[in-house]
Amino acid sequence: MEIGPFLIHEHLIAELTPKGVFPSDAPRVAITLENIWDIRYQWCGHYGNQILDDPELMAAEMKILKKDGGNCLVEQTTRGLKPNPIGLAKISRQSNVSIVAGTGFYTVEFVGKQLSELTKNEISNLLYTDLLHGMDETDIRAGFIGEMGLSTPAHPHEIKALMAAAHTQSETGVGMCIHPPREHDAPLRIMALIKENGGLTTKTAIAHLERTFPSVDDYLALAQTGCFLELDFFGLESGFYPFATVDLPNDAGRLAIIRVLIDHGHLEQILVSQDICHLSRLRRYGGEGYGHIFRNIIPMMRARGFGQKEIDAILTENPRRFLTIA
């Protein structure tokens, strides 16, 4: 089996509709040429845009990814976002794209009372089961922990789950990905907590950094912890971000940040992806699709002086190392 190149942080089957925003009988939005721009800009403001529940559609999207040059996708849908391991297996079989699924818990808003009712040991045992035996009473095993969701600010039950995940990571040696709070100092606090609870700092990835960090100095400070740094909003070219005061960089800006990290010796810690979780970003609906990095960003990298060894490290070698059990 060919392992790589990778998209390290994506969603194929998930529901991220904000809670309490839409009436219970709201119809799903019909995406048209007339409304696609507004949906792309206000992606959380249209019911149905954040519901990905069609394995057949995603198999077609994965075939396009394969044609564009991608071969492996890491699925970050965890409890609270309606994961579907059987659906993922179907997508993989139909598209011949390798899919690695994660296990964990998203934020309290999405998981609900289950997270408050479980003890730290019970959470850890659930993660063990998913990793060693199978998810949702199937024999489909998770390959890593993530994404573990933290709200802004982090909820105590989310911290409890993160501590349990760090313990599980210490016992299993798997990679772990964190969806951090949006405060710019949160990633450093998270890494300290993971270390205190026995987690593996060099096997941990902090996601969504371009919506968290206002300065490249923040990236460099986090890199000193030894963790992986995810720039996973490639394809989101709008500076507007509805959840934070940080203006998003465009793809050229992301590459500029990556160049600074490489020049400071952090090539082996960089991970990239697109974090697609909206219908409006799919090729079916006129979006950039999962193949955007392979189709568009790699040529941009070459034009900006990135060497093939750097490209291979970011898209193949680093994800392999993240996913390899320590």
Protein backbone atom coordinates (compact mmCIF):
# COMPACT_ATOMS: atom_id res chain seq x y z
CA MET A 1 0.00 0.00 0.00
CA GLU A 2 1.27 3.46 -0.91
CA ILE A 3 1.32 5.63 2.22
CA GLY A 4 1.27 9.30 1.30
CA PRO A 5 1.11 12.05 0.35
CA PHE A 6 -1.41 13.09 2.99
CA LEU A 7 -4.07 15.56 3.92
CA ILE A 8 -3.61 15.52 7.69
CA HIS A 9 -6.79 17.25 8.89
CA GLU A 10 -10.06 16.77 7.02
CA HIS A 11 -13.69 15.76 7.49
CA LEU A 12 -15.55 13.44 5.12
CA ILE A 13 -18.52 12.56 7.31
CA ALA A 14 -19.35 15.09 10.01
CA GLU A 15 -21.90 17.58 11.25
CA LEU A 16 -20.60 20.89 12.59
CA THR A 17 -23.86 22.86 12.54
CA PRO A 18 -23.74 25.38 15.43
CA LYS A 19 -26.13 24.51 18.24
CA GLY A 20 -29.18 26.68 18.89
CA VAL A 21 -28.82 28.78 15.74
CA PHE A 22 -31.41 27.20 13.46
CA PRO A 23 -35.00 26.07 14.18
CA SER A 24 -35.47 22.32 14.44
CA ASP A 25 -37.48 22.23 11.22
CA ALA A 26 -35.06 24.34 9.16
CA PRO A 27 -34.67 23.04 5.59
CA ARG A 28 -31.22 22.35 4.22
CA VAL A 29 -29.91 25.13 2.01
CA ALA A 30 -29.91 24.52 -1.73
CA ILE A 31 -26.53 25.70 -3.03
CA THR A 32 -26.88 27.64 -6.28
CA LEU A 33 -24.83 29.99 -8.42
CA GLU A 34 -26.82 32.86 -6.94
CA ASN A 35 -26.03 32.11 -3.28
CA ILE A 36 -22.70 30.27 -3.34
CA TRP A 37 -20.63 33.37 -2.60
CA ASP A 38 -22.66 34.24 0.50
CA ILE A 39 -22.49 30.62 1.69
CA ARG A 40 -18.72 30.52 1.26
CA TYR A 41 -18.36 33.77 3.20
CA GLN A 42 -20.87 32.96 5.95
CA TRP A 43 -20.41 29.20 5.95
CA CYS A 44 -22.07 28.70 9.35
CA GLY A 45 -25.08 30.86 8.50
CA HIS A 46 -26.83 28.43 6.16
CA TYR A 47 -28.34 25.27 7.60
CA GLY A 48 -27.11 22.13 5.90
CA ASN A 49 -23.83 23.54 4.63
CA GLN A 50 -22.00 21.91 7.54
CA ILE A 51 -23.67 18.53 7.24
CA LEU A 52 -21.48 16.00 5.45
CA ASP A 53 -23.42 12.72 5.49
CA ASP A 54 -23.23 11.29 1.97
CA PRO A 55 -20.59 8.57 1.45
CA GLU A 56 -21.36 8.37 -2.28
CA LEU A 57 -20.70 12.10 -2.71
CA MET A 58 -17.48 11.86 -0.73
CA ALA A 59 -16.29 8.85 -2.71
CA ALA A 60 -16.64 10.98 -5.84
CA GLU A 61 -14.72 13.81 -4.16
CA MET A 62 -11.97 11.36 -3.14
CA LYS A 63 -11.62 10.12 -6.72
CA ILE A 64 -10.89 13.72 -7.71
CA LEU A 65 -8.36 13.98 -4.87
CA LYS A 66 -6.67 10.83 -6.16
CA LYS A 67 -6.49 12.27 -9.67
CA ASP A 68 -5.00 15.51 -8.29
CA GLY A 69 -2.20 13.59 -6.56
CA GLY A 70 -3.43 12.87 -3.03
CA ASN A 71 -3.38 9.33 -1.74
CA CYS A 72 -4.13 9.41 2.01
CA LEU A 73 -6.59 11.42 4.08
CA VAL A 74 -6.73 11.76 7.86
CA GLU A 75 -10.30 12.01 9.16
CA GLN A 76 -10.59 14.20 12.28
CA THR A 77 -14.29 13.66 13.05
CA THR A 78 -14.74 12.66 16.70
CA ARG A 79 -17.60 12.18 19.18
CA GLY A 80 -20.02 15.06 18.97
CA LEU A 81 -19.57 15.44 15.20
CA LYS A 82 -21.32 12.16 14.29
CA PRO A 83 -18.40 9.99 13.13
CA ASN A 84 -19.21 7.07 10.83
CA PRO A 85 -16.42 4.48 10.49
CA ILE A 86 -18.50 2.22 8.24
CA GLY A 87 -19.13 5.15 5.91
CA LEU A 88 -15.41 5.94 5.84
CA ALA A 89 -14.59 2.35 4.91
CA LYS A 90 -17.09 2.55 2.05
CA ILE A 91 -15.56 5.80 0.78
CA SER A 92 -12.07 4.30 0.92
CA ARG A 93 -13.08 1.16 -0.97
CA GLN A 94 -14.86 3.08 -3.71
CA SER A 95 -12.13 5.70 -4.22
CA ASN A 96 -8.95 3.73 -3.44
CA VAL A 97 -7.86 6.56 -1.11
CA SER A 98 -6.45 5.43 2.24
CA ILE A 99 -8.33 6.97 5.18
CA VAL A 100 -7.03 7.09 8.76
CA ALA A 101 -9.75 7.84 11.31
CA GLY A 102 -9.24 9.45 14.70
CA THR A 103 -10.94 8.95 18.04
CA GLY A 104 -11.74 11.47 20.72
CA PHE A 105 -14.25 14.06 21.83
CA TYR A 106 -15.07 17.42 20.28
CA THR A 107 -16.24 20.40 22.34
CA VAL A 108 -18.89 20.35 25.08
CA GLU A 109 -21.28 22.27 22.81
CA PHE A 110 -21.36 19.32 20.42
CA VAL A 111 -20.75 16.32 22.68
CA GLY A 112 -23.29 17.38 25.31
CA LYS A 113 -23.87 15.70 28.66
CA GLN A 114 -21.89 12.56 27.81
CA LEU A 115 -18.67 14.46 28.42
CA SER A 116 -19.82 15.64 31.85
CA GLU A 117 -20.98 12.17 32.89
CA LEU A 118 -17.79 10.30 32.01
CA THR A 119 -14.83 10.11 34.36
CA LYS A 120 -11.28 10.59 33.14
CA ASN A 121 -10.66 6.84 33.36
CA GLU A 122 -13.84 6.07 31.43
CA ILE A 123 -12.81 8.47 28.67
CA SER A 124 -9.38 6.88 28.51
CA ASN A 125 -10.92 3.40 28.29
CA LEU A 126 -13.16 4.48 25.41
CA LEU A 127 -10.14 5.78 23.52
CA TYR A 128 -8.27 2.53 24.20
CA THR A 129 -11.18 0.53 22.81
CA ASP A 130 -11.34 2.61 19.64
CA LEU A 131 -7.59 2.32 19.08
CA LEU A 132 -7.10 -1.35 19.95
CA HIS A 133 -10.39 -3.05 19.11
CA GLY A 134 -12.67 -0.90 16.97
CA MET A 135 -14.97 2.12 16.89
CA ASP A 136 -18.75 2.07 17.39
CA GLU A 137 -18.86 -1.71 17.85
CA THR A 138 -17.09 -2.34 14.53
CA ASP A 139 -13.65 -3.83 13.87
CA ILE A 140 -12.52 -0.55 12.27
CA ARG A 141 -9.81 0.80 14.55
CA ALA A 142 -8.79 4.42 15.00
CA GLY A 143 -5.23 5.28 14.02
CA PHE A 144 -4.68 8.27 16.29
CA ILE A 145 -6.40 10.52 18.85
CA GLY A 146 -8.07 13.61 17.44
CA GLU A 147 -9.28 16.03 16.97
CA MET A 148 -9.74 16.69 20.67
CA GLY A 149 -11.93 19.79 20.90
CA LEU A 150 -11.41 22.72 23.26
CA SER A 151 -13.79 25.69 23.40
CA THR A 152 -12.86 29.34 23.94
CA PRO A 153 -12.24 29.39 26.84
CA ALA A 154 -11.69 25.69 27.44
CA HIS A 155 -14.42 23.98 29.48
CA PRO A 156 -13.38 21.92 32.54
CA HIS A 157 -14.88 18.76 31.02
CA GLU A 158 -12.85 19.34 27.86
CA ILE A 159 -9.71 19.67 29.98
CA LYS A 160 -10.67 16.40 31.70
CA ALA A 161 -10.97 14.71 28.30
CA LEU A 162 -7.63 16.13 27.17
CA MET A 163 -5.93 14.80 30.30
CA ALA A 164 -7.45 11.38 29.62
CA ALA A 165 -6.27 11.55 26.02
CA ALA A 166 -2.73 12.45 27.10
CA HIS A 167 -2.70 9.42 29.40
CA THR A 168 -3.95 7.18 26.60
CA GLN A 169 -1.30 8.59 24.29
CA SER A 170 1.41 7.83 26.84
CA GLU A 171 0.25 4.20 26.99
CA THR A 172 -0.24 3.63 23.26
CA GLY A 173 2.30 5.90 21.55
CA VAL A 174 -0.20 7.20 18.98
CA GLY A 175 -0.32 10.69 17.54
CA MET A 176 -2.79 13.22 18.93
CA CYS A 177 -4.31 16.33 17.33
CA ILE A 178 -5.80 19.21 19.32
CA HIS A 179 -8.43 21.74 18.23
CA PRO A 180 -7.26 24.60 20.50
CA PRO A 181 -9.10 27.54 22.03
CA ARG A 182 -8.78 30.70 19.97
CA GLU A 183 -6.73 32.64 22.55
CA HIS A 184 -3.27 33.14 21.13
CA ASP A 185 -1.57 31.81 24.27
CA ALA A 186 -3.75 28.68 24.44
CA PRO A 187 -1.49 26.35 22.41
CA LEU A 188 1.42 26.81 24.81
CA ARG A 189 -0.87 26.16 27.79
CA ILE A 190 -2.20 23.03 26.09
CA MET A 191 1.27 21.67 25.45
CA ALA A 192 2.21 22.25 29.09
CA LEU A 193 -0.91 20.35 30.20
CA ILE A 194 -0.17 17.46 27.85
CA LYS A 195 3.37 17.19 29.15
CA GLU A 196 2.19 17.30 32.78
CA ASN A 197 -0.17 14.38 32.08
CA GLY A 198 2.39 12.16 30.42
CA GLY A 199 1.52 12.93 26.81
CA LEU A 200 4.07 12.81 24.02
CA THR A 201 4.87 16.35 22.94
CA THR A 202 6.65 15.28 19.75
CA LYS A 203 3.63 13.17 18.75
CA THR A 204 1.10 15.97 19.31
CA ALA A 205 -0.20 18.37 16.65
CA ILE A 206 -1.87 21.70 17.37
CA ALA A 207 -4.40 22.50 14.65
CA HIS A 208 -5.86 25.69 13.16
CA LEU A 209 -2.89 27.89 14.00
CA GLU A 210 -3.61 30.50 11.35
CA ARG A 211 -6.88 31.39 13.13
CA THR A 212 -5.13 31.43 16.51
CA PHE A 213 -1.80 33.20 16.09
CA PRO A 214 -1.55 36.89 15.15
CA SER A 215 2.24 36.79 14.75
CA VAL A 216 4.84 34.43 13.32
CA ASP A 217 6.63 34.78 16.66
CA ASP A 218 3.78 32.75 18.19
CA TYR A 219 4.51 29.92 15.75
CA LEU A 220 8.19 29.99 16.62
CA ALA A 221 7.47 29.92 20.35
CA LEU A 222 5.15 26.92 19.99
CA ALA A 223 7.71 25.13 17.82
CA GLN A 224 10.09 25.15 20.78
CA THR A 225 7.83 22.61 22.53
CA GLY A 226 8.63 20.05 19.83
CA CYS A 227 5.02 19.58 18.70
CA PHE A 228 3.70 19.50 15.15
CA LEU A 229 2.32 22.81 13.86
CA GLU A 230 -0.75 22.56 11.62
CA LEU A 231 -1.60 25.17 9.04
CA ASP A 232 -4.80 23.54 7.90
CA PHE A 233 -6.97 26.28 6.41
CA PHE A 234 -5.48 26.10 2.91
CA GLY A 235 -8.15 27.06 0.41
CA LEU A 236 -9.82 29.59 2.72
CA GLU A 237 -8.73 32.73 0.91
CA SER A 238 -11.02 35.15 2.74
CA GLY A 239 -9.44 37.22 5.50
CA PHE A 240 -12.82 37.26 7.26
CA TYR A 241 -13.19 34.66 10.03
CA PRO A 242 -16.48 34.68 11.95
CA PHE A 243 -15.11 33.27 15.22
CA ALA A 244 -12.04 35.33 16.10
CA THR A 245 -10.36 38.71 15.92
CA VAL A 246 -7.39 37.28 14.01
CA ASP A 247 -7.52 37.98 10.29
CA LEU A 248 -6.83 34.82 8.32
CA PRO A 249 -3.85 34.80 5.96
CA ASN A 250 -4.44 33.69 2.40
CA ASP A 251 -2.59 30.73 0.91
CA ALA A 252 0.40 32.88 -0.04
CA GLY A 253 0.55 34.13 3.54
CA ARG A 254 0.47 30.56 4.84
CA LEU A 255 3.42 29.66 2.64
CA ALA A 256 5.30 32.71 3.93
CA ILE A 257 4.78 31.50 7.51
CA ILE A 258 5.97 28.02 6.54
CA ARG A 259 9.10 29.48 4.97
CA VAL A 260 9.95 31.29 8.21
CA LEU A 261 9.46 28.07 10.18
CA ILE A 262 11.73 26.16 7.79
CA ASP A 263 14.39 28.86 7.94
CA HIS A 264 14.37 28.54 11.74
CA GLY A 265 14.91 24.78 11.57
CA HIS A 266 11.36 23.49 12.04
CA LEU A 267 10.72 21.73 8.71
CA GLU A 268 10.08 18.39 10.41
CA GLN A 269 7.26 19.86 12.54
CA ILE A 270 5.07 21.32 9.77
CA LEU A 271 1.75 19.77 8.74
CA VAL A 272 -0.71 21.21 6.22
CA SER A 273 -4.30 20.51 5.24
CA GLN A 274 -7.58 22.20 4.29
CA ASP A 275 -10.00 21.23 7.11
CA ILE A 276 -12.92 20.90 4.71
CA CYS A 277 -16.17 20.59 6.64
CA HIS A 278 -18.60 22.54 4.44
CA LEU A 279 -20.46 21.45 1.33
CA SER A 280 -19.62 24.79 -0.28
CA ARG A 281 -15.94 23.80 -0.44
CA LEU A 282 -16.56 20.58 -2.37
CA ARG A 283 -15.93 20.33 -6.10
CA ARG A 284 -19.55 19.24 -6.55
CA TYR A 285 -20.64 22.71 -5.41
CA GLY A 286 -17.96 24.79 -7.10
CA GLY A 287 -15.45 24.74 -4.25
CA GLU A 288 -11.72 24.05 -4.32
CA GLY A 289 -12.14 20.43 -3.25
CA TYR A 290 -9.81 18.18 -1.30
CA GLY A 291 -7.21 18.21 -4.07
CA HIS A 292 -6.49 21.95 -3.79
CA ILE A 293 -3.10 21.55 -2.10
CA PHE A 294 -1.89 19.06 -4.71
CA ARG A 295 -3.40 20.86 -7.68
CA ASN A 296 -2.65 24.47 -6.74
CA ILE A 297 -0.43 24.85 -3.68
CA ILE A 298 2.45 22.59 -4.72
CA PRO A 299 3.01 24.67 -7.90
CA MET A 300 2.88 27.81 -5.72
CA MET A 301 5.50 26.30 -3.44
CA ARG A 302 7.81 25.50 -6.32
CA ALA A 303 7.39 29.01 -7.73
CA ARG A 304 8.41 30.40 -4.33
CA GLY A 305 11.57 28.33 -4.12
CA PHE A 306 10.45 25.37 -2.02
CA GLY A 307 12.53 22.31 -2.86
CA GLN A 308 11.14 18.85 -3.51
CA LYS A 309 12.63 17.56 -0.24
CA GLU A 310 10.75 20.27 1.65
CA ILE A 311 7.49 19.48 -0.14
CA ASP A 312 7.92 15.75 0.52
CA ALA A 313 8.67 16.40 4.19
CA ILE A 314 5.53 18.48 4.69
CA LEU A 315 3.11 16.29 2.74
CA THR A 316 4.49 12.79 3.26
CA GLU A 317 7.29 12.31 5.78
CA ASN A 318 5.92 14.48 8.59
CA PRO A 319 2.39 12.99 8.45
CA ARG A 320 3.88 9.48 8.40
CA ARG A 321 5.92 10.26 11.50
CA PHE A 322 2.88 11.76 13.24
CA LEU A 323 0.83 8.62 12.54
CA THR A 324 3.58 6.09 13.29
CA ILE A 325 3.19 4.56 16.75
CA ALA A 326 6.08 5.53 19.00
